[in-house]
Amino acid sequence: MNTTLNPSPRRRGAMAKASVVAPLIALGALLPAPAAQAAVGSVTCTGSSHAAYNPGLTLTPQTITVTETDTVPNCTSTDSTLTSVITAGPYSYPVANAGCNYAMVIPVGGGSLTVHWNNGQTSTLTGLVNELTATGGIVQNIAVGTVTAGEFTGAAATITYAYPLVNTLQCLAPGGLTSQDGTILVQIIGV
Protein backbone atom coordinates (compact mmCIF):
# COMPACT_ATOMS: atom_id res chain seq x y z
CA MET A 1 0.00 0.00 0.00
CA ASN A 2 1.36 3.34 -1.05
CA THR A 3 0.86 5.77 1.87
CA THR A 4 1.74 8.85 -0.12
CA LEU A 5 -1.18 8.37 -2.50
CA ASN A 6 -3.67 7.14 0.03
CA PRO A 7 -2.61 8.40 3.47
CA SER A 8 -4.12 7.12 6.69
CA PRO A 9 -6.38 9.52 8.70
CA ARG A 10 -3.61 10.09 11.20
CA ARG A 11 -1.11 10.89 8.46
CA ARG A 12 -3.68 13.15 6.71
CA GLY A 13 -3.90 15.28 9.93
CA ALA A 14 -0.12 15.63 10.09
CA MET A 15 -0.02 16.60 6.40
CA ALA A 16 -2.79 19.18 6.95
CA LYS A 17 -0.80 20.75 9.80
CA ALA A 18 2.32 20.78 7.66
CA SER A 19 0.43 22.48 4.81
CA VAL A 20 -0.57 25.30 7.22
CA VAL A 21 2.82 25.64 8.92
CA ALA A 22 4.96 25.60 5.75
CA PRO A 23 3.53 28.88 4.33
CA LEU A 24 3.96 30.56 7.73
CA ILE A 25 7.62 29.56 7.81
CA ALA A 26 8.06 30.84 4.26
CA LEU A 27 6.35 34.14 5.20
CA GLY A 28 8.62 34.49 8.22
CA ALA A 29 11.67 34.16 6.00
CA LEU A 30 10.48 37.15 3.95
CA LEU A 31 9.99 39.43 6.96
CA PRO A 32 12.96 41.47 8.20
CA ALA A 33 14.68 40.14 11.27
CA PRO A 34 14.16 42.21 14.42
CA ALA A 35 17.02 44.60 15.12
CA ALA A 36 19.42 43.39 17.75
CA GLN A 37 19.34 45.48 20.90
CA ALA A 38 22.91 46.54 21.67
CA ALA A 39 24.01 47.13 25.22
CA VAL A 40 24.44 50.87 25.77
CA GLY A 41 26.93 50.76 28.64
CA SER A 42 28.31 53.45 30.94
CA VAL A 43 31.49 55.40 31.64
CA THR A 44 32.72 57.79 34.35
CA CYS A 45 35.85 59.88 33.75
CA THR A 46 37.73 62.42 35.87
CA GLY A 47 40.37 64.96 35.01
CA SER A 48 41.45 68.59 35.07
CA SER A 49 40.43 71.72 33.18
CA HIS A 50 42.50 74.86 32.52
CA ALA A 51 40.89 78.05 31.19
CA ALA A 52 43.00 80.97 29.94
CA TYR A 53 41.33 84.39 29.42
CA ASN A 54 42.53 86.92 26.82
CA PRO A 55 42.36 89.70 27.73
CA GLY A 56 42.20 88.92 31.43
CA LEU A 57 38.97 89.24 33.39
CA THR A 58 38.52 92.64 35.06
CA LEU A 59 35.69 94.40 36.87
CA THR A 60 34.64 95.95 33.55
CA PRO A 61 32.68 93.56 31.27
CA GLN A 62 34.34 93.01 27.89
CA THR A 63 34.51 90.46 25.08
CA ILE A 64 37.25 87.93 25.76
CA THR A 65 38.54 84.70 24.24
CA VAL A 66 38.60 81.66 26.47
CA THR A 67 41.13 78.95 25.60
CA GLU A 68 40.26 75.75 27.40
CA THR A 69 42.41 72.66 27.81
CA ASP A 70 40.85 69.58 29.39
CA THR A 71 42.89 66.54 30.40
CA VAL A 72 40.80 63.47 31.24
CA PRO A 73 43.11 60.48 31.83
CA ASN A 74 40.99 58.37 34.19
CA CYS A 75 37.90 56.47 33.00
CA THR A 76 36.01 53.51 34.40
CA SER A 77 33.70 51.93 31.83
CA THR A 78 31.61 48.91 30.95
CA ASP A 79 33.77 48.92 27.78
CA SER A 80 37.10 47.53 29.01
CA THR A 81 38.97 49.10 26.05
CA LEU A 82 37.99 52.61 27.15
CA THR A 83 40.34 54.11 29.75
CA SER A 84 40.60 57.83 28.92
CA VAL A 85 39.41 60.76 26.82
CA ILE A 86 41.74 61.87 24.04
CA THR A 87 41.99 65.65 23.79
CA ALA A 88 43.05 67.09 20.48
CA GLY A 89 44.51 70.12 22.20
CA PRO A 90 43.11 73.40 23.45
CA TYR A 91 39.96 74.90 21.94
CA SER A 92 38.87 78.53 22.04
CA TYR A 93 35.57 80.37 22.07
CA PRO A 94 34.53 84.02 22.49
CA VAL A 95 32.49 85.25 25.44
CA ALA A 96 30.82 88.66 25.30
CA ASN A 97 30.39 90.85 28.41
CA ALA A 98 32.73 88.70 30.52
CA GLY A 99 33.87 90.17 33.80
CA CYS A 100 34.85 89.20 37.31
CA ASN A 101 31.30 89.67 38.46
CA TYR A 102 30.43 86.48 36.54
CA ALA A 103 30.69 83.32 38.60
CA MET A 104 32.29 81.49 35.69
CA VAL A 105 32.77 82.08 31.98
CA ILE A 106 30.96 79.58 29.77
CA PRO A 107 30.62 79.41 25.98
CA VAL A 108 27.46 80.77 24.38
CA GLY A 109 25.18 78.12 22.92
CA GLY A 110 26.77 74.84 23.90
CA GLY A 111 24.36 72.37 22.34
CA SER A 112 26.64 69.57 21.13
CA LEU A 113 30.06 68.06 21.74
CA THR A 114 31.97 65.06 20.38
CA VAL A 115 34.06 63.11 22.88
CA HIS A 116 37.04 61.20 21.45
CA TRP A 117 37.92 58.06 23.42
CA ASN A 118 41.32 56.35 23.65
CA ASN A 119 39.93 53.23 21.91
CA GLY A 120 39.29 55.13 18.66
CA GLN A 121 35.54 55.47 19.25
CA THR A 122 33.61 58.74 19.64
CA SER A 123 30.40 59.75 21.38
CA THR A 124 28.39 62.72 20.11
CA LEU A 125 26.51 64.47 22.90
CA THR A 126 23.62 66.71 21.87
CA GLY A 127 20.93 68.74 23.55
CA LEU A 128 23.43 69.90 26.17
CA VAL A 129 21.87 72.35 28.62
CA ASN A 130 24.11 74.18 31.11
CA GLU A 131 23.26 74.96 34.72
CA LEU A 132 25.55 77.11 36.84
CA THR A 133 25.69 76.78 40.64
CA ALA A 134 27.97 78.31 43.28
CA THR A 135 28.31 76.67 46.69
CA GLY A 136 31.03 76.85 49.32
CA GLY A 137 33.49 78.76 47.14
CA ILE A 138 33.15 76.34 44.21
CA VAL A 139 31.39 77.14 40.95
CA GLN A 140 29.99 74.22 38.98
CA ASN A 141 28.91 74.27 35.36
CA ILE A 142 26.82 71.15 34.76
CA ALA A 143 25.90 70.29 31.16
CA VAL A 144 23.28 67.56 30.67
CA GLY A 145 22.38 65.93 27.33
CA THR A 146 22.08 62.67 25.40
CA VAL A 147 24.50 60.56 23.37
CA THR A 148 23.03 60.56 19.85
CA ALA A 149 25.84 58.92 17.87
CA GLY A 150 28.81 56.63 18.40
CA GLU A 151 29.63 54.62 21.49
CA PHE A 152 26.92 54.72 24.19
CA THR A 153 24.20 55.94 21.77
CA GLY A 154 20.98 56.46 23.71
CA ALA A 155 22.66 57.05 27.07
CA ALA A 156 22.28 60.12 29.28
CA ALA A 157 25.39 62.33 29.50
CA THR A 158 26.55 64.79 32.15
CA ILE A 159 29.72 66.91 32.09
CA THR A 160 30.56 68.80 35.28
CA TYR A 161 33.22 71.52 35.44
CA ALA A 162 34.20 72.79 38.90
CA TYR A 163 36.32 75.92 39.43
CA PRO A 164 37.09 77.99 42.52
CA LEU A 165 34.90 81.07 42.82
CA VAL A 166 36.68 84.09 41.29
CA ASN A 167 38.38 86.29 43.88
CA THR A 168 37.56 89.87 42.89
CA LEU A 169 40.99 91.05 44.11
CA GLN A 170 42.61 88.93 41.35
CA CYS A 171 40.75 91.05 38.81
CA LEU A 172 42.36 94.25 40.14
CA ALA A 173 45.86 93.02 39.28
CA PRO A 174 47.49 94.44 36.13
CA GLY A 175 46.06 92.47 33.19
CA GLY A 176 43.24 91.04 35.33
CA LEU A 177 42.58 87.37 36.01
CA THR A 178 44.21 85.51 33.12
CA SER A 179 43.55 81.86 34.00
CA GLN A 180 41.80 79.37 36.25
CA ASP A 181 42.29 75.69 37.01
CA GLY A 182 39.54 73.29 37.95
CA THR A 183 38.27 69.74 37.55
CA ILE A 184 36.09 67.92 35.04
CA LEU A 185 33.81 64.91 35.50
CA VAL A 186 32.28 63.13 32.48
CA GLN A 187 29.47 60.63 33.16
CA ILE A 188 27.57 58.67 30.54
CA ILE A 189 24.96 56.32 31.93
CA GLY A 190 23.13 53.81 29.76
CA VAL A 191 19.49 52.98 30.25
C-alpha atoms as a PDB file:
ATOM      1  CA  MET A   1       0.000   0.000   0.000  1.00  0.00           C
ATOM      2  CA  ASN A   2       1.363   3.338  -1.052  1.00  0.00           C
ATOM      3  CA  THR A   3       0.859   5.771   1.869  1.00  0.00           C
ATOM      4  CA  THR A   4       1.741   8.847  -0.115  1.00  0.00           C
ATOM      5  CA  LEU A   5      -1.184   8.373  -2.504  1.00  0.00           C
ATOM      6  CA  ASN A   6      -3.670   7.139   0.032  1.00  0.00           C
ATOM      7  CA  PRO A   7      -2.606   8.395   3.475  1.00  0.00           C
ATOM      8  CA  SER A   8      -4.115   7.122   6.694  1.00  0.00           C
ATOM      9  CA  PRO A   9      -6.381   9.518   8.696  1.00  0.00           C
ATOM     10  CA  ARG A  10      -3.614  10.089  11.201  1.00  0.00           C
ATOM     11  CA  ARG A  11      -1.108  10.893   8.455  1.00  0.00           C
ATOM     12  CA  ARG A  12      -3.678  13.152   6.706  1.00  0.00           C
ATOM     13  CA  GLY A  13      -3.902  15.278   9.930  1.00  0.00           C
ATOM     14  CA  ALA A  14      -0.118  15.633  10.092  1.00  0.00           C
ATOM     15  CA  MET A  15      -0.017  16.596   6.401  1.00  0.00           C
ATOM     16  CA  ALA A  16      -2.786  19.184   6.950  1.00  0.00           C
ATOM     17  CA  LYS A  17      -0.798  20.748   9.804  1.00  0.00           C
ATOM     18  CA  ALA A  18       2.317  20.783   7.660  1.00  0.00           C
ATOM     19  CA  SER A  19       0.432  22.475   4.815  1.00  0.00           C
ATOM     20  CA  VAL A  20      -0.570  25.296   7.220  1.00  0.00           C
ATOM     21  CA  VAL A  21       2.816  25.640   8.917  1.00  0.00           C
ATOM     22  CA  ALA A  22       4.960  25.598   5.754  1.00  0.00           C
ATOM     23  CA  PRO A  23       3.529  28.881   4.329  1.00  0.00           C
ATOM     24  CA  LEU A  24       3.959  30.563   7.734  1.00  0.00           C
ATOM     25  CA  ILE A  25       7.622  29.555   7.814  1.00  0.00           C
ATOM     26  CA  ALA A  26       8.062  30.843   4.256  1.00  0.00           C
ATOM     27  CA  LEU A  27       6.353  34.142   5.203  1.00  0.00           C
ATOM     28  CA  GLY A  28       8.621  34.486   8.223  1.00  0.00           C
ATOM     29  CA  ALA A  29      11.672  34.160   6.002  1.00  0.00           C
ATOM     30  CA  LEU A  30      10.477  37.146   3.952  1.00  0.00           C
ATOM     31  CA  LEU A  31       9.987  39.431   6.959  1.00  0.00           C
ATOM     32  CA  PRO A  32      12.955  41.471   8.202  1.00  0.00           C
ATOM     33  CA  ALA A  33      14.680  40.137  11.267  1.00  0.00           C
ATOM     34  CA  PRO A  34      14.161  42.205  14.425  1.00  0.00           C
ATOM     35  CA  ALA A  35      17.018  44.596  15.117  1.00  0.00           C
ATOM     36  CA  ALA A  36      19.424  43.390  17.752  1.00  0.00           C
ATOM     37  CA  GLN A  37      19.335  45.479  20.902  1.00  0.00           C
ATOM     38  CA  ALA A  38      22.911  46.541  21.667  1.00  0.00           C
ATOM     39  CA  ALA A  39      24.011  47.134  25.221  1.00  0.00           C
ATOM     40  CA  VAL A  40      24.436  50.874  25.775  1.00  0.00           C
ATOM     41  CA  GLY A  41      26.934  50.764  28.639  1.00  0.00           C
ATOM     42  CA  SER A  42      28.311  53.446  30.937  1.00  0.00           C
ATOM     43  CA  VAL A  43      31.489  55.405  31.637  1.00  0.00           C
ATOM     44  CA  THR A  44      32.721  57.788  34.347  1.00  0.00           C
ATOM     45  CA  CYS A  45      35.853  59.880  33.747  1.00  0.00           C
ATOM     46  CA  THR A  46      37.731  62.423  35.866  1.00  0.00           C
ATOM     47  CA  GLY A  47      40.373  64.962  35.008  1.00  0.00           C
ATOM     48  CA  SER A  48      41.451  68.592  35.075  1.00  0.00           C
ATOM     49  CA  SER A  49      40.431  71.725  33.180  1.00  0.00           C
ATOM     50  CA  HIS A  50      42.504  74.859  32.522  1.00  0.00           C
ATOM     51  CA  ALA A  51      40.887  78.048  31.191  1.00  0.00           C
ATOM     52  CA  ALA A  52      42.997  80.974  29.935  1.00  0.00           C
ATOM     53  CA  TYR A  53      41.333  84.394  29.418  1.00  0.00           C
ATOM     54  CA  ASN A  54      42.533  86.918  26.824  1.00  0.00           C
ATOM     55  CA  PRO A  55      42.364  89.704  27.731  1.00  0.00           C
ATOM     56  CA  GLY A  56      42.201  88.918  31.435  1.00  0.00           C
ATOM     57  CA  LEU A  57      38.967  89.244  33.394  1.00  0.00           C
ATOM     58  CA  THR A  58      38.518  92.639  35.058  1.00  0.00           C
ATOM     59  CA  LEU A  59      35.686  94.397  36.870  1.00  0.00           C
ATOM     60  CA  THR A  60      34.636  95.953  33.547  1.00  0.00           C
ATOM     61  CA  PRO A  61      32.683  93.563  31.271  1.00  0.00           C
ATOM     62  CA  GLN A  62      34.337  93.013  27.886  1.00  0.00           C
ATOM     63  CA  THR A  63      34.514  90.457  25.075  1.00  0.00           C
ATOM     64  CA  ILE A  64      37.248  87.928  25.756  1.00  0.00           C
ATOM     65  CA  THR A  65      38.535  84.695  24.236  1.00  0.00           C
ATOM     66  CA  VAL A  66      38.603  81.656  26.470  1.00  0.00           C
ATOM     67  CA  THR A  67      41.125  78.953  25.596  1.00  0.00           C
ATOM     68  CA  GLU A  68      40.265  75.752  27.404  1.00  0.00           C
ATOM     69  CA  THR A  69      42.414  72.656  27.808  1.00  0.00           C
ATOM     70  CA  ASP A  70      40.854  69.581  29.391  1.00  0.00           C
ATOM     71  CA  THR A  71      42.889  66.539  30.400  1.00  0.00           C
ATOM     72  CA  VAL A  72      40.797  63.467  31.243  1.00  0.00           C
ATOM     73  CA  PRO A  73      43.111  60.484  31.831  1.00  0.00           C
ATOM     74  CA  ASN A  74      40.994  58.366  34.186  1.00  0.00           C
ATOM     75  CA  CYS A  75      37.899  56.475  32.998  1.00  0.00           C
ATOM     76  CA  THR A  76      36.010  53.514  34.396  1.00  0.00           C
ATOM     77  CA  SER A  77      33.698  51.926  31.832  1.00  0.00           C
ATOM     78  CA  THR A  78      31.610  48.907  30.952  1.00  0.00           C
ATOM     79  CA  ASP A  79      33.773  48.924  27.780  1.00  0.00           C
ATOM     80  CA  SER A  80      37.099  47.530  29.010  1.00  0.00           C
ATOM     81  CA  THR A  81      38.971  49.099  26.047  1.00  0.00           C
ATOM     82  CA  LEU A  82      37.990  52.608  27.153  1.00  0.00           C
ATOM     83  CA  THR A  83      40.344  54.106  29.749  1.00  0.00           C
ATOM     84  CA  SER A  84      40.604  57.833  28.919  1.00  0.00           C
ATOM     85  CA  VAL A  85      39.412  60.759  26.820  1.00  0.00           C
ATOM     86  CA  ILE A  86      41.745  61.872  24.038  1.00  0.00           C
ATOM     87  CA  THR A  87      41.986  65.647  23.792  1.00  0.00           C
ATOM     88  CA  ALA A  88      43.048  67.092  20.480  1.00  0.00           C
ATOM     89  CA  GLY A  89      44.513  70.123  22.199  1.00  0.00           C
ATOM     90  CA  PRO A  90      43.105  73.401  23.450  1.00  0.00           C
ATOM     91  CA  TYR A  91      39.962  74.900  21.936  1.00  0.00           C
ATOM     92  CA  SER A  92      38.867  78.525  22.043  1.00  0.00           C
ATOM     93  CA  TYR A  93      35.572  80.372  22.074  1.00  0.00           C
ATOM     94  CA  PRO A  94      34.530  84.017  22.485  1.00  0.00           C
ATOM     95  CA  VAL A  95      32.490  85.247  25.438  1.00  0.00           C
ATOM     96  CA  ALA A  96      30.822  88.658  25.297  1.00  0.00           C
ATOM     97  CA  ASN A  97      30.388  90.848  28.410  1.00  0.00           C
ATOM     98  CA  ALA A  98      32.728  88.704  30.519  1.00  0.00           C
ATOM     99  CA  GLY A  99      33.873  90.171  33.802  1.00  0.00           C
ATOM    100  CA  CYS A 100      34.855  89.197  37.314  1.00  0.00           C
ATOM    101  CA  ASN A 101      31.297  89.673  38.459  1.00  0.00           C
ATOM    102  CA  TYR A 102      30.430  86.475  36.542  1.00  0.00           C
ATOM    103  CA  ALA A 103      30.694  83.323  38.604  1.00  0.00           C
ATOM    104  CA  MET A 104      32.294  81.493  35.689  1.00  0.00           C
ATOM    105  CA  VAL A 105      32.771  82.084  31.977  1.00  0.00           C
ATOM    106  CA  ILE A 106      30.960  79.578  29.772  1.00  0.00           C
ATOM    107  CA  PRO A 107      30.618  79.406  25.983  1.00  0.00           C
ATOM    108  CA  VAL A 108      27.465  80.767  24.382  1.00  0.00           C
ATOM    109  CA  GLY A 109      25.182  78.123  22.921  1.00  0.00           C
ATOM    110  CA  GLY A 110      26.773  74.844  23.904  1.00  0.00           C
ATOM    111  CA  GLY A 111      24.361  72.367  22.344  1.00  0.00           C
ATOM    112  CA  SER A 112      26.643  69.568  21.133  1.00  0.00           C
ATOM    113  CA  LEU A 113      30.060  68.062  21.737  1.00  0.00           C
ATOM    114  CA  THR A 114      31.966  65.061  20.376  1.00  0.00           C
ATOM    115  CA  VAL A 115      34.056  63.113  22.882  1.00  0.00           C
ATOM    116  CA  HIS A 116      37.042  61.202  21.450  1.00  0.00           C
ATOM    117  CA  TRP A 117      37.916  58.059  23.418  1.00  0.00           C
ATOM    118  CA  ASN A 118      41.323  56.351  23.645  1.00  0.00           C
ATOM    119  CA  ASN A 119      39.928  53.225  21.908  1.00  0.00           C
ATOM    120  CA  GLY A 120      39.289  55.133  18.660  1.00  0.00           C
ATOM    121  CA  GLN A 121      35.543  55.467  19.248  1.00  0.00           C
ATOM    122  CA  THR A 122      33.614  58.738  19.641  1.00  0.00           C
ATOM    123  CA  SER A 123      30.404  59.753  21.375  1.00  0.00           C
ATOM    124  CA  THR A 124      28.387  62.719  20.111  1.00  0.00           C
ATOM    125  CA  LEU A 125      26.512  64.470  22.903  1.00  0.00           C
ATOM    126  CA  THR A 126      23.619  66.710  21.868  1.00  0.00           C
ATOM    127  CA  GLY A 127      20.933  68.745  23.552  1.00  0.00           C
ATOM    128  CA  LEU A 128      23.432  69.904  26.172  1.00  0.00           C
ATOM    129  CA  VAL A 129      21.873  72.353  28.616  1.00  0.00           C
ATOM    130  CA  ASN A 130      24.113  74.179  31.108  1.00  0.00           C
ATOM    131  CA  GLU A 131      23.263  74.958  34.719  1.00  0.00           C
ATOM    132  CA  LEU A 132      25.548  77.115  36.844  1.00  0.00           C
ATOM    133  CA  THR A 133      25.687  76.775  40.642  1.00  0.00           C
ATOM    134  CA  ALA A 134      27.967  78.308  43.278  1.00  0.00           C
ATOM    135  CA  THR A 135      28.307  76.665  46.690  1.00  0.00           C
ATOM    136  CA  GLY A 136      31.033  76.850  49.318  1.00  0.00           C
ATOM    137  CA  GLY A 137      33.492  78.764  47.135  1.00  0.00           C
ATOM    138  CA  ILE A 138      33.148  76.339  44.213  1.00  0.00           C
ATOM    139  CA  VAL A 139      31.393  77.141  40.946  1.00  0.00           C
ATOM    140  CA  GLN A 140      29.993  74.217  38.977  1.00  0.00           C
ATOM    141  CA  ASN A 141      28.905  74.273  35.360  1.00  0.00           C
ATOM    142  CA  ILE A 142      26.822  71.148  34.759  1.00  0.00           C
ATOM    143  CA  ALA A 143      25.902  70.293  31.155  1.00  0.00           C
ATOM    144  CA  VAL A 144      23.280  67.562  30.666  1.00  0.00           C
ATOM    145  CA  GLY A 145      22.380  65.933  27.331  1.00  0.00           C
ATOM    146  CA  THR A 146      22.076  62.666  25.402  1.00  0.00           C
ATOM    147  CA  VAL A 147      24.503  60.564  23.366  1.00  0.00           C
ATOM    148  CA  THR A 148      23.032  60.562  19.853  1.00  0.00           C
ATOM    149  CA  ALA A 149      25.840  58.916  17.865  1.00  0.00           C
ATOM    150  CA  GLY A 150      28.806  56.630  18.399  1.00  0.00           C
ATOM    151  CA  GLU A 151      29.629  54.621  21.487  1.00  0.00           C
ATOM    152  CA  PHE A 152      26.924  54.723  24.190  1.00  0.00           C
ATOM    153  CA  THR A 153      24.198  55.939  21.772  1.00  0.00           C
ATOM    154  CA  GLY A 154      20.977  56.465  23.715  1.00  0.00           C
ATOM    155  CA  ALA A 155      22.661  57.045  27.066  1.00  0.00           C
ATOM    156  CA  ALA A 156      22.282  60.118  29.281  1.00  0.00           C
ATOM    157  CA  ALA A 157      25.389  62.327  29.498  1.00  0.00           C
ATOM    158  CA  THR A 158      26.554  64.792  32.149  1.00  0.00           C
ATOM    159  CA  ILE A 159      29.717  66.911  32.088  1.00  0.00           C
ATOM    160  CA  THR A 160      30.562  68.803  35.275  1.00  0.00           C
ATOM    161  CA  TYR A 161      33.222  71.521  35.435  1.00  0.00           C
ATOM    162  CA  ALA A 162      34.196  72.794  38.901  1.00  0.00           C
ATOM    163  CA  TYR A 163      36.317  75.917  39.428  1.00  0.00           C
ATOM    164  CA  PRO A 164      37.093  77.994  42.515  1.00  0.00           C
ATOM    165  CA  LEU A 165      34.898  81.071  42.824  1.00  0.00           C
ATOM    166  CA  VAL A 166      36.678  84.087  41.293  1.00  0.00           C
ATOM    167  CA  ASN A 167      38.376  86.291  43.877  1.00  0.00           C
ATOM    168  CA  THR A 168      37.557  89.870  42.895  1.00  0.00           C
ATOM    169  CA  LEU A 169      40.989  91.048  44.105  1.00  0.00           C
ATOM    170  CA  GLN A 170      42.606  88.932  41.355  1.00  0.00           C
ATOM    171  CA  CYS A 171      40.747  91.055  38.813  1.00  0.00           C
ATOM    172  CA  LEU A 172      42.356  94.247  40.139  1.00  0.00           C
ATOM    173  CA  ALA A 173      45.865  93.015  39.276  1.00  0.00           C
ATOM    174  CA  PRO A 174      47.489  94.441  36.127  1.00  0.00           C
ATOM    175  CA  GLY A 175      46.058  92.474  33.194  1.00  0.00           C
ATOM    176  CA  GLY A 176      43.240  91.044  35.330  1.00  0.00           C
ATOM    177  CA  LEU A 177      42.579  87.374  36.014  1.00  0.00           C
ATOM    178  CA  THR A 178      44.213  85.509  33.122  1.00  0.00           C
ATOM    179  CA  SER A 179      43.545  81.858  33.997  1.00  0.00           C
ATOM    180  CA  GLN A 180      41.799  79.368  36.247  1.00  0.00           C
ATOM    181  CA  ASP A 181      42.287  75.689  37.007  1.00  0.00           C
ATOM    182  CA  GLY A 182      39.541  73.288  37.948  1.00  0.00           C
ATOM    183  CA  THR A 183      38.265  69.743  37.553  1.00  0.00           C
ATOM    184  CA  ILE A 184      36.092  67.923  35.040  1.00  0.00           C
ATOM    185  CA  LEU A 185      33.806  64.911  35.504  1.00  0.00           C
ATOM    186  CA  VAL A 186      32.277  63.133  32.483  1.00  0.00           C
ATOM    187  CA  GLN A 187      29.468  60.635  33.156  1.00  0.00           C
ATOM    188  CA  ILE A 188      27.565  58.665  30.541  1.00  0.00           C
ATOM    189  CA  ILE A 189      24.958  56.324  31.930  1.00  0.00           C
ATOM    190  CA  GLY A 190      23.130  53.806  29.758  1.00  0.00           C
ATOM    191  CA  VAL A 191      19.486  52.980  30.253  1.00  0.00           C
END
